[in-house]
């Protein structure tokens, strides 16, 4: 009987395909004793579709970035630690009346989320299996994260053309009243008051530069007509008010 050489078995073992997606199951909020987390991790190990990153390694790398306890289990922490941990997706969650579970990519952005029913703090076997499939599917859509990207010198990274940033002037209504002003900077009310004063000065200067042009001949003619009309009215009034002269009898 032909025996399989030990070296050949070892070769098959080392040549077994490794999964491209690496996933970390974070600690869930209000998960006493991490029972639910352990259930989800076991379901993924049974499915054998992704590489799981130990939570101990995640905590160690997060601690080096001064993220400890619940701070290391947030989307912000995922964005900071994923590259160092070479994680492509992370699973976070919170336990309430139901289990809110969310799958994040290496930047901390949501890939998938759902609420699942719980019984005594655990998922049903069917829901645990479906969740493992959902995690695998979401991880495949995430960009592959590599530690080499973080450690690669800036000169070796492809240059990215930065879009020109246009700095807009602040609008008075958008200025934070609690933000301290720079020396010499006017407040919104002071700027509005100065604008009104400048407009008033500009209008006054315009009135002074543009006097109203008057026609002297028309003014004289109008005055003469008014004097003649006034004299005529006086003559008529005197004639009407004088007593009637009676003719003496013959």
C-alpha atoms as a PDB file:
ATOM      1  CA  UNK A   1       0.000   0.000   0.000  1.00  0.00           C
ATOM      2  CA  UNK A   2       1.375   3.348  -1.030  1.00  0.00           C
ATOM      3  CA  UNK A   3       1.682   5.885   1.761  1.00  0.00           C
ATOM      4  CA  UNK A   4       1.218   9.577   1.183  1.00  0.00           C
ATOM      5  CA  UNK A   5       4.436  11.388   2.028  1.00  0.00           C
ATOM      6  CA  UNK A   6       4.217  13.751   4.978  1.00  0.00           C
ATOM      7  CA  UNK A   7       5.815  16.522   2.932  1.00  0.00           C
ATOM      8  CA  UNK A   8       3.001  16.264   0.380  1.00  0.00           C
ATOM      9  CA  UNK A   9       0.339  16.624   3.095  1.00  0.00           C
ATOM     10  CA  UNK A  10       2.081  19.671   4.476  1.00  0.00           C
ATOM     11  CA  UNK A  11       2.233  21.150   0.989  1.00  0.00           C
ATOM     12  CA  UNK A  12      -1.513  20.692   0.571  1.00  0.00           C
ATOM     13  CA  UNK A  13      -2.086  22.316   3.957  1.00  0.00           C
ATOM     14  CA  UNK A  14      -0.013  25.386   3.183  1.00  0.00           C
ATOM     15  CA  UNK A  15      -1.441  25.690  -0.328  1.00  0.00           C
ATOM     16  CA  UNK A  16      -5.030  25.784   0.931  1.00  0.00           C
ATOM     17  CA  UNK A  17      -6.683  28.923  -0.448  1.00  0.00           C
ATOM     18  CA  UNK A  18      -6.871  31.840   1.939  1.00  0.00           C
ATOM     19  CA  UNK A  19      -9.888  34.087   1.927  1.00  0.00           C
ATOM     20  CA  UNK A  20      -9.334  37.578   0.599  1.00  0.00           C
ATOM     21  CA  UNK A  21     -11.747  39.180   3.053  1.00  0.00           C
ATOM     22  CA  UNK A  22     -10.663  39.739   6.629  1.00  0.00           C
ATOM     23  CA  UNK A  23     -13.382  40.540   9.164  1.00  0.00           C
ATOM     24  CA  UNK A  24     -13.381  41.553  12.814  1.00  0.00           C
ATOM     25  CA  UNK A  25     -16.398  41.080  15.063  1.00  0.00           C
ATOM     26  CA  UNK A  26     -16.394  44.013  17.464  1.00  0.00           C
ATOM     27  CA  UNK A  27     -17.848  43.855  20.953  1.00  0.00           C
ATOM     28  CA  UNK A  28     -21.574  44.618  20.920  1.00  0.00           C
ATOM     29  CA  UNK A  29     -23.157  47.216  23.186  1.00  0.00           C
ATOM     30  CA  UNK A  30     -25.081  45.723  26.167  1.00  0.00           C
ATOM     31  CA  UNK A  31     -23.862  42.203  25.296  1.00  0.00           C
ATOM     32  CA  UNK A  32     -23.353  40.626  28.715  1.00  0.00           C
ATOM     33  CA  UNK A  33     -20.424  38.270  28.741  1.00  0.00           C
ATOM     34  CA  UNK A  34     -20.041  38.755  24.973  1.00  0.00           C
ATOM     35  CA  UNK A  35     -22.442  35.827  24.470  1.00  0.00           C
ATOM     36  CA  UNK A  36     -23.996  37.206  21.294  1.00  0.00           C
ATOM     37  CA  UNK A  37     -20.624  38.161  19.854  1.00  0.00           C
ATOM     38  CA  UNK A  38     -19.339  34.636  20.455  1.00  0.00           C
ATOM     39  CA  UNK A  39     -22.424  33.219  18.705  1.00  0.00           C
ATOM     40  CA  UNK A  40     -21.862  35.383  15.614  1.00  0.00           C
ATOM     41  CA  UNK A  41     -18.159  34.522  15.523  1.00  0.00           C
ATOM     42  CA  UNK A  42     -18.915  30.800  15.776  1.00  0.00           C
ATOM     43  CA  UNK A  43     -21.413  31.072  12.922  1.00  0.00           C
ATOM     44  CA  UNK A  44     -18.757  32.688  10.735  1.00  0.00           C
ATOM     45  CA  UNK A  45     -16.167  30.066  11.653  1.00  0.00           C
ATOM     46  CA  UNK A  46     -18.652  27.342  10.765  1.00  0.00           C
ATOM     47  CA  UNK A  47     -19.418  29.005   7.425  1.00  0.00           C
ATOM     48  CA  UNK A  48     -15.658  29.213   6.786  1.00  0.00           C
ATOM     49  CA  UNK A  49     -16.047  32.009   4.214  1.00  0.00           C
ATOM     50  CA  UNK A  50     -13.882  34.823   5.677  1.00  0.00           C
ATOM     51  CA  UNK A  51     -10.735  35.226   7.737  1.00  0.00           C
ATOM     52  CA  UNK A  52     -11.534  36.369  11.266  1.00  0.00           C
ATOM     53  CA  UNK A  53      -9.245  38.835  13.022  1.00  0.00           C
ATOM     54  CA  UNK A  54      -9.043  38.117  16.781  1.00  0.00           C
ATOM     55  CA  UNK A  55     -10.614  40.773  18.966  1.00  0.00           C
ATOM     56  CA  UNK A  56      -7.501  40.747  21.170  1.00  0.00           C
ATOM     57  CA  UNK A  57      -5.351  41.875  18.230  1.00  0.00           C
ATOM     58  CA  UNK A  58      -7.870  44.586  17.393  1.00  0.00           C
ATOM     59  CA  UNK A  59      -7.822  45.914  20.957  1.00  0.00           C
ATOM     60  CA  UNK A  60      -4.031  45.903  21.013  1.00  0.00           C
ATOM     61  CA  UNK A  61      -3.760  47.937  17.798  1.00  0.00           C
ATOM     62  CA  UNK A  62      -6.542  50.286  18.909  1.00  0.00           C
ATOM     63  CA  UNK A  63      -4.749  50.875  22.213  1.00  0.00           C
ATOM     64  CA  UNK A  64      -1.661  52.034  20.318  1.00  0.00           C
ATOM     65  CA  UNK A  65      -3.865  54.709  18.782  1.00  0.00           C
ATOM     66  CA  UNK A  66      -5.175  55.644  22.249  1.00  0.00           C
ATOM     67  CA  UNK A  67      -8.562  54.027  21.645  1.00  0.00           C
ATOM     68  CA  UNK A  68      -9.718  51.887  24.542  1.00  0.00           C
ATOM     69  CA  UNK A  69     -12.953  50.280  25.717  1.00  0.00           C
ATOM     70  CA  UNK A  70     -16.096  51.343  23.836  1.00  0.00           C
ATOM     71  CA  UNK A  71     -14.058  53.904  21.855  1.00  0.00           C
ATOM     72  CA  UNK A  72     -12.325  51.050  20.045  1.00  0.00           C
ATOM     73  CA  UNK A  73     -15.676  49.620  18.883  1.00  0.00           C
ATOM     74  CA  UNK A  74     -16.968  52.630  16.956  1.00  0.00           C
ATOM     75  CA  UNK A  75     -17.048  53.437  13.208  1.00  0.00           C
ATOM     76  CA  UNK A  76     -14.430  56.128  13.834  1.00  0.00           C
ATOM     77  CA  UNK A  77     -12.120  53.547  15.387  1.00  0.00           C
ATOM     78  CA  UNK A  78     -12.667  51.224  12.422  1.00  0.00           C
ATOM     79  CA  UNK A  79     -11.478  53.980  10.104  1.00  0.00           C
ATOM     80  CA  UNK A  80      -8.307  54.422  12.170  1.00  0.00           C
ATOM     81  CA  UNK A  81      -7.384  50.828  12.994  1.00  0.00           C
ATOM     82  CA  UNK A  82      -8.501  48.787   9.958  1.00  0.00           C
ATOM     83  CA  UNK A  83      -5.372  49.281   7.877  1.00  0.00           C
ATOM     84  CA  UNK A  84      -3.045  48.379  10.701  1.00  0.00           C
ATOM     85  CA  UNK A  85      -5.152  45.272  11.403  1.00  0.00           C
ATOM     86  CA  UNK A  86      -5.535  44.567   7.667  1.00  0.00           C
ATOM     87  CA  UNK A  87      -9.294  44.378   8.138  1.00  0.00           C
ATOM     88  CA  UNK A  88     -11.667  44.723   5.189  1.00  0.00           C
ATOM     89  CA  UNK A  89     -14.931  44.773   7.159  1.00  0.00           C
ATOM     90  CA  UNK A  90     -16.032  45.112  10.762  1.00  0.00           C
ATOM     91  CA  UNK A  91     -19.253  44.062  12.460  1.00  0.00           C
ATOM     92  CA  UNK A  92     -20.681  46.249  15.206  1.00  0.00           C
ATOM     93  CA  UNK A  93     -23.975  46.040  17.043  1.00  0.00           C
ATOM     94  CA  UNK A  94     -26.145  47.064  19.976  1.00  0.00           C
ATOM     95  CA  UNK A  95     -28.630  45.009  21.963  1.00  0.00           C
ATOM     96  CA  UNK A  96     -32.032  46.441  22.890  1.00  0.00           C
ATOM     97  CA  UNK A  97     -35.437  44.923  22.305  1.00  0.00           C
ATOM     98  CA  UNK A  98     -33.822  43.641  19.109  1.00  0.00           C
ATOM     99  CA  UNK A  99     -30.267  43.261  17.893  1.00  0.00           C
ATOM    100  CA  UNK A 100     -29.173  46.127  15.654  1.00  0.00           C
ATOM    101  CA  UNK A 101     -26.234  44.878  13.620  1.00  0.00           C
ATOM    102  CA  UNK A 102     -24.219  46.905  11.141  1.00  0.00           C
ATOM    103  CA  UNK A 103     -21.382  45.931   8.795  1.00  0.00           C
ATOM    104  CA  UNK A 104     -18.745  48.594   8.096  1.00  0.00           C
ATOM    105  CA  UNK A 105     -16.016  48.844   5.496  1.00  0.00           C
ATOM    106  CA  UNK A 106     -12.404  49.678   6.371  1.00  0.00           C
ATOM    107  CA  UNK A 107     -13.183  53.418   6.426  1.00  0.00           C
ATOM    108  CA  UNK A 108     -16.052  53.036   8.906  1.00  0.00           C
ATOM    109  CA  UNK A 109     -18.782  53.551   6.296  1.00  0.00           C
ATOM    110  CA  UNK A 110     -21.897  51.397   6.482  1.00  0.00           C
ATOM    111  CA  UNK A 111     -22.205  48.509   4.022  1.00  0.00           C
ATOM    112  CA  UNK A 112     -25.292  46.833   5.485  1.00  0.00           C
ATOM    113  CA  UNK A 113     -27.488  47.012   8.597  1.00  0.00           C
ATOM    114  CA  UNK A 114     -30.531  45.252  10.001  1.00  0.00           C
ATOM    115  CA  UNK A 115     -32.524  44.590  13.168  1.00  0.00           C
ATOM    116  CA  UNK A 116     -32.817  40.941  14.177  1.00  0.00           C
ATOM    117  CA  UNK A 117     -35.024  39.381  16.865  1.00  0.00           C
ATOM    118  CA  UNK A 118     -33.428  37.984  20.000  1.00  0.00           C
ATOM    119  CA  UNK A 119     -34.443  35.343  22.476  1.00  0.00           C
ATOM    120  CA  UNK A 120     -32.702  35.460  25.833  1.00  0.00           C
ATOM    121  CA  UNK A 121     -29.985  37.636  24.318  1.00  0.00           C
ATOM    122  CA  UNK A 122     -29.171  35.266  21.435  1.00  0.00           C
ATOM    123  CA  UNK A 123     -30.139  34.787  17.794  1.00  0.00           C
ATOM    124  CA  UNK A 124     -31.936  31.753  16.504  1.00  0.00           C
ATOM    125  CA  UNK A 125     -29.738  29.266  14.674  1.00  0.00           C
ATOM    126  CA  UNK A 126     -31.368  30.266  11.383  1.00  0.00           C
ATOM    127  CA  UNK A 127     -30.761  33.993  11.922  1.00  0.00           C
ATOM    128  CA  UNK A 128     -27.158  33.378  12.985  1.00  0.00           C
ATOM    129  CA  UNK A 129     -26.545  31.438   9.773  1.00  0.00           C
ATOM    130  CA  UNK A 130     -28.174  34.132   7.623  1.00  0.00           C
ATOM    131  CA  UNK A 131     -26.156  36.837   9.383  1.00  0.00           C
ATOM    132  CA  UNK A 132     -22.929  34.976   8.600  1.00  0.00           C
ATOM    133  CA  UNK A 133     -23.917  34.919   4.914  1.00  0.00           C
ATOM    134  CA  UNK A 134     -24.740  38.640   4.993  1.00  0.00           C
ATOM    135  CA  UNK A 135     -21.361  39.447   6.558  1.00  0.00           C
ATOM    136  CA  UNK A 136     -19.584  37.421   3.870  1.00  0.00           C
ATOM    137  CA  UNK A 137     -21.507  39.098   1.052  1.00  0.00           C
ATOM    138  CA  UNK A 138     -20.924  42.604   2.447  1.00  0.00           C
ATOM    139  CA  UNK A 139     -17.211  41.957   3.012  1.00  0.00           C
ATOM    140  CA  UNK A 140     -16.820  40.981  -0.645  1.00  0.00           C
ATOM    141  CA  UNK A 141     -18.113  44.404  -1.725  1.00  0.00           C
ATOM    142  CA  UNK A 142     -15.630  46.253   0.504  1.00  0.00           C
ATOM    143  CA  UNK A 143     -12.276  47.402  -0.905  1.00  0.00           C
ATOM    144  CA  UNK A 144      -9.392  45.213   0.219  1.00  0.00           C
ATOM    145  CA  UNK A 145      -7.424  46.886   2.997  1.00  0.00           C
ATOM    146  CA  UNK A 146      -3.682  46.298   3.281  1.00  0.00           C
ATOM    147  CA  UNK A 147      -1.169  47.311   5.883  1.00  0.00           C
ATOM    148  CA  UNK A 148       1.275  48.005   3.057  1.00  0.00           C
ATOM    149  CA  UNK A 149      -0.868  50.955   1.953  1.00  0.00           C
ATOM    150  CA  UNK A 150      -0.393  52.591   5.333  1.00  0.00           C
ATOM    151  CA  UNK A 151       3.339  51.908   5.558  1.00  0.00           C
ATOM    152  CA  UNK A 152       4.148  52.782   1.927  1.00  0.00           C
ATOM    153  CA  UNK A 153       6.115  56.069   1.656  1.00  0.00           C
ATOM    154  CA  UNK A 154       4.263  59.011   0.193  1.00  0.00           C
ATOM    155  CA  UNK A 155       6.639  59.086  -2.804  1.00  0.00           C
ATOM    156  CA  UNK A 156       5.566  55.561  -3.849  1.00  0.00           C
ATOM    157  CA  UNK A 157       1.859  56.258  -3.604  1.00  0.00           C
ATOM    158  CA  UNK A 158       0.094  57.388  -6.775  1.00  0.00           C
ATOM    159  CA  UNK A 159      -0.284  61.107  -6.896  1.00  0.00           C
ATOM    160  CA  UNK A 160      -3.785  62.405  -6.492  1.00  0.00           C
ATOM    161  CA  UNK A 161      -4.731  65.650  -8.114  1.00  0.00           C
ATOM    162  CA  UNK A 162      -6.225  67.832  -5.471  1.00  0.00           C
ATOM    163  CA  UNK A 163      -9.168  69.943  -6.485  1.00  0.00           C
ATOM    164  CA  UNK A 164      -8.577  73.674  -6.006  1.00  0.00           C
ATOM    165  CA  UNK A 165     -10.220  74.886  -2.853  1.00  0.00           C
ATOM    166  CA  UNK A 166     -12.047  78.174  -3.135  1.00  0.00           C
ATOM    167  CA  UNK A 167     -12.372  79.864   0.208  1.00  0.00           C
ATOM    168  CA  UNK A 168     -15.692  81.661   0.362  1.00  0.00           C
ATOM    169  CA  UNK A 169     -16.189  84.811   2.350  1.00  0.00           C
ATOM    170  CA  UNK A 170     -18.293  84.179   5.468  1.00  0.00           C
ATOM    171  CA  UNK A 171     -21.908  85.315   5.272  1.00  0.00           C
ATOM    172  CA  UNK A 172     -22.986  87.383   8.319  1.00  0.00           C
ATOM    173  CA  UNK A 173     -25.865  85.002   9.087  1.00  0.00           C
ATOM    174  CA  UNK A 174     -23.501  82.015   9.077  1.00  0.00           C
ATOM    175  CA  UNK A 175     -20.935  83.427  11.474  1.00  0.00           C
ATOM    176  CA  UNK A 176     -20.864  81.689  14.799  1.00  0.00           C
ATOM    177  CA  UNK A 177     -21.601  84.315  17.499  1.00  0.00           C
ATOM    178  CA  UNK A 178     -19.502  82.356  19.959  1.00  0.00           C
ATOM    179  CA  UNK A 179     -16.478  82.379  17.657  1.00  0.00           C
ATOM    180  CA  UNK A 180     -13.975  85.074  18.799  1.00  0.00           C
ATOM    181  CA  UNK A 181     -13.339  87.785  16.185  1.00  0.00           C
ATOM    182  CA  UNK A 182      -9.883  88.661  14.948  1.00  0.00           C
ATOM    183  CA  UNK A 183      -8.450  92.062  15.972  1.00  0.00           C
ATOM    184  CA  UNK A 184     -10.044  94.813  13.870  1.00  0.00           C
ATOM    185  CA  UNK A 185     -12.776  92.522  12.521  1.00  0.00           C
ATOM    186  CA  UNK A 186     -16.278  94.028  12.609  1.00  0.00           C
ATOM    187  CA  UNK A 187     -19.351  92.184  13.791  1.00  0.00           C
ATOM    188  CA  UNK A 188     -22.328  91.606  11.492  1.00  0.00           C
ATOM    189  CA  UNK A 189     -24.271  94.537  13.045  1.00  0.00           C
ATOM    190  CA  UNK A 190     -21.280  96.861  12.719  1.00  0.00           C
ATOM    191  CA  UNK A 191     -20.772  95.919   9.069  1.00  0.00           C
ATOM    192  CA  UNK A 192     -24.469  96.532   8.313  1.00  0.00           C
ATOM    193  CA  UNK A 193     -24.393  99.905  10.068  1.00  0.00           C
ATOM    194  CA  UNK A 194     -21.277 100.967   8.124  1.00  0.00           C
ATOM    195  CA  UNK A 195     -22.887  99.855   4.843  1.00  0.00           C
ATOM    196  CA  UNK A 196     -25.955 102.006   5.513  1.00  0.00           C
ATOM    197  CA  UNK A 197     -23.807 105.021   6.398  1.00  0.00           C
ATOM    198  CA  UNK A 198     -21.782 104.633   3.188  1.00  0.00           C
ATOM    199  CA  UNK A 199     -24.974 104.437   1.111  1.00  0.00           C
ATOM    200  CA  UNK A 200     -26.365 107.553   2.793  1.00  0.00           C
ATOM    201  CA  UNK A 201     -23.109 109.463   2.135  1.00  0.00           C
ATOM    202  CA  UNK A 202     -23.121 108.338  -1.502  1.00  0.00           C
ATOM    203  CA  UNK A 203     -26.716 109.509  -1.987  1.00  0.00           C
ATOM    204  CA  UNK A 204     -25.946 112.910  -0.392  1.00  0.00           C
ATOM    205  CA  UNK A 205     -22.936 113.379  -2.649  1.00  0.00           C
ATOM    206  CA  UNK A 206     -25.040 112.548  -5.711  1.00  0.00           C
ATOM    207  CA  UNK A 207     -27.673 115.140  -4.757  1.00  0.00           C
ATOM    208  CA  UNK A 208     -24.983 117.803  -4.283  1.00  0.00           C
ATOM    209  CA  UNK A 209     -23.366 117.055  -7.629  1.00  0.00           C
ATOM    210  CA  UNK A 210     -26.628 117.152  -9.619  1.00  0.00           C
ATOM    211  CA  UNK A 211     -28.564 120.387  -8.862  1.00  0.00           C
ATOM    212  CA  UNK A 212     -31.948 120.741 -10.453  1.00  0.00           C
ATOM    213  CA  UNK A 213     -31.761 122.879 -13.608  1.00  0.00           C
ATOM    214  CA  UNK A 214     -34.431 125.588 -13.801  1.00  0.00           C
ATOM    215  CA  UNK A 215     -35.496 127.737 -16.790  1.00  0.00           C
ATOM    216  CA  UNK A 216     -35.376 131.404 -15.705  1.00  0.00           C
ATOM    217  CA  UNK A 217     -37.623 132.552 -18.595  1.00  0.00           C
ATOM    218  CA  UNK A 218     -40.343 130.099 -17.561  1.00  0.00           C
ATOM    219  CA  UNK A 219     -40.059 131.168 -13.922  1.00  0.00           C
ATOM    220  CA  UNK A 220     -40.363 134.885 -14.897  1.00  0.00           C
ATOM    221  CA  UNK A 221     -43.309 134.228 -17.181  1.00  0.00           C
ATOM    222  CA  UNK A 222     -45.099 132.271 -14.490  1.00  0.00           C
ATOM    223  CA  UNK A 223     -44.553 135.002 -11.915  1.00  0.00           C
ATOM    224  CA  UNK A 224     -45.861 137.734 -14.311  1.00  0.00           C
ATOM    225  CA  UNK A 225     -49.022 135.765 -15.060  1.00  0.00           C
ATOM    226  CA  UNK A 226     -49.740 135.265 -11.363  1.00  0.00           C
ATOM    227  CA  UNK A 227     -49.345 139.042 -10.686  1.00  0.00           C
ATOM    228  CA  UNK A 228     -51.702 139.980 -13.552  1.00  0.00           C
ATOM    229  CA  UNK A 229     -54.295 137.452 -12.395  1.00  0.00           C
ATOM    230  CA  UNK A 230     -54.117 138.753  -8.853  1.00  0.00           C
ATOM    231  CA  UNK A 231     -54.608 142.424  -9.960  1.00  0.00           C
ATOM    232  CA  UNK A 232     -57.623 141.460 -12.131  1.00  0.00           C
ATOM    233  CA  UNK A 233     -59.306 139.698  -9.251  1.00  0.00           C
ATOM    234  CA  UNK A 234     -58.873 142.732  -6.990  1.00  0.00           C
ATOM    235  CA  UNK A 235     -60.486 145.056  -9.549  1.00  0.00           C
ATOM    236  CA  UNK A 236     -63.486 142.765  -9.923  1.00  0.00           C
ATOM    237  CA  UNK A 237     -63.954 142.420  -6.210  1.00  0.00           C
ATOM    238  CA  UNK A 238     -63.853 146.194  -5.677  1.00  0.00           C
ATOM    239  CA  UNK A 239     -66.405 146.800  -8.453  1.00  0.00           C
ATOM    240  CA  UNK A 240     -68.827 144.307  -7.005  1.00  0.00           C
ATOM    241  CA  UNK A 241     -68.458 145.598  -3.480  1.00  0.00           C
ATOM    242  CA  UNK A 242     -69.003 149.387  -4.370  1.00  0.00           C
ATOM    243  CA  UNK A 243     -72.590 150.779  -3.597  1.00  0.00           C
ATOM    244  CA  UNK A 244     -74.942 151.378  -6.557  1.00  0.00           C
ATOM    245  CA  UNK A 245     -75.365 155.116  -7.462  1.00  0.00           C
ATOM    246  CA  UNK A 246     -79.042 156.228  -7.606  1.00  0.00           C
ATOM    247  CA  UNK A 247     -80.265 158.676 -10.243  1.00  0.00           C
ATOM    248  CA  UNK A 248     -81.907 161.854  -8.679  1.00  0.00           C
ATOM    249  CA  UNK A 249     -85.563 162.430  -9.586  1.00  0.00           C
ATOM    250  CA  UNK A 250     -86.362 165.220 -12.088  1.00  0.00           C
END
